Amino acid sequence: MSCRNNGYLAYEGLIWACRKVYLLYKGFLSE
């Protein structure tokens, strides 16, 4: 696996984590 591929996967993981936190935060505020 190339370094470029690893960077892409890390970037995808970061976006996924941010989205999950955002959804949790939004759900927390709406309650």
C-alpha atoms as a PDB file:
ATOM      1  CA  MET A   1       0.000   0.000   0.000  1.00  0.00           C
ATOM      2  CA  SER A   2       1.404   3.388  -0.947  1.00  0.00           C
ATOM      3  CA  CYS A   3       1.760   6.396   1.308  1.00  0.00           C
ATOM      4  CA  ARG A   4      -0.760   8.242  -0.844  1.00  0.00           C
ATOM      5  CA  ASN A   5      -3.317   5.492  -0.255  1.00  0.00           C
ATOM      6  CA  ASN A   6      -2.776   5.615   3.503  1.00  0.00           C
ATOM      7  CA  GLY A   7      -3.266   9.381   3.497  1.00  0.00           C
ATOM      8  CA  TYR A   8      -6.529   8.975   1.596  1.00  0.00           C
ATOM      9  CA  LEU A   9      -7.818   6.375   4.061  1.00  0.00           C
ATOM     10  CA  ALA A  10      -6.865   8.589   7.004  1.00  0.00           C
ATOM     11  CA  TYR A  11      -8.707  11.504   5.372  1.00  0.00           C
ATOM     12  CA  GLU A  12     -11.813   9.352   4.829  1.00  0.00           C
ATOM     13  CA  GLY A  13     -11.676   8.197   8.450  1.00  0.00           C
ATOM     14  CA  LEU A  14     -11.403  11.786   9.651  1.00  0.00           C
ATOM     15  CA  ILE A  15     -14.461  12.854   7.645  1.00  0.00           C
ATOM     16  CA  TRP A  16     -16.420   9.853   8.948  1.00  0.00           C
ATOM     17  CA  ALA A  17     -15.479  10.645  12.545  1.00  0.00           C
ATOM     18  CA  CYS A  18     -16.396  14.328  12.150  1.00  0.00           C
ATOM     19  CA  ARG A  19     -19.748  13.399  10.625  1.00  0.00           C
ATOM     20  CA  LYS A  20     -20.480  10.944  13.439  1.00  0.00           C
ATOM     21  CA  VAL A  21     -19.614  13.515  16.111  1.00  0.00           C
ATOM     22  CA  TYR A  22     -21.733  16.128  14.312  1.00  0.00           C
ATOM     23  CA  LEU A  23     -24.745  13.813  14.179  1.00  0.00           C
ATOM     24  CA  LEU A  24     -24.353  12.904  17.864  1.00  0.00           C
ATOM     25  CA  TYR A  25     -24.048  16.590  18.767  1.00  0.00           C
ATOM     26  CA  LYS A  26     -27.109  17.507  16.674  1.00  0.00           C
ATOM     27  CA  GLY A  27     -29.100  14.686  18.281  1.00  0.00           C
ATOM     28  CA  PHE A  28     -28.011  15.829  21.737  1.00  0.00           C
ATOM     29  CA  LEU A  29     -29.154  19.399  21.062  1.00  0.00           C
ATOM     30  CA  SER A  30     -32.539  18.335  19.693  1.00  0.00           C
ATOM     31  CA  GLU A  31     -33.450  16.335  22.800  1.00  0.00           C
END
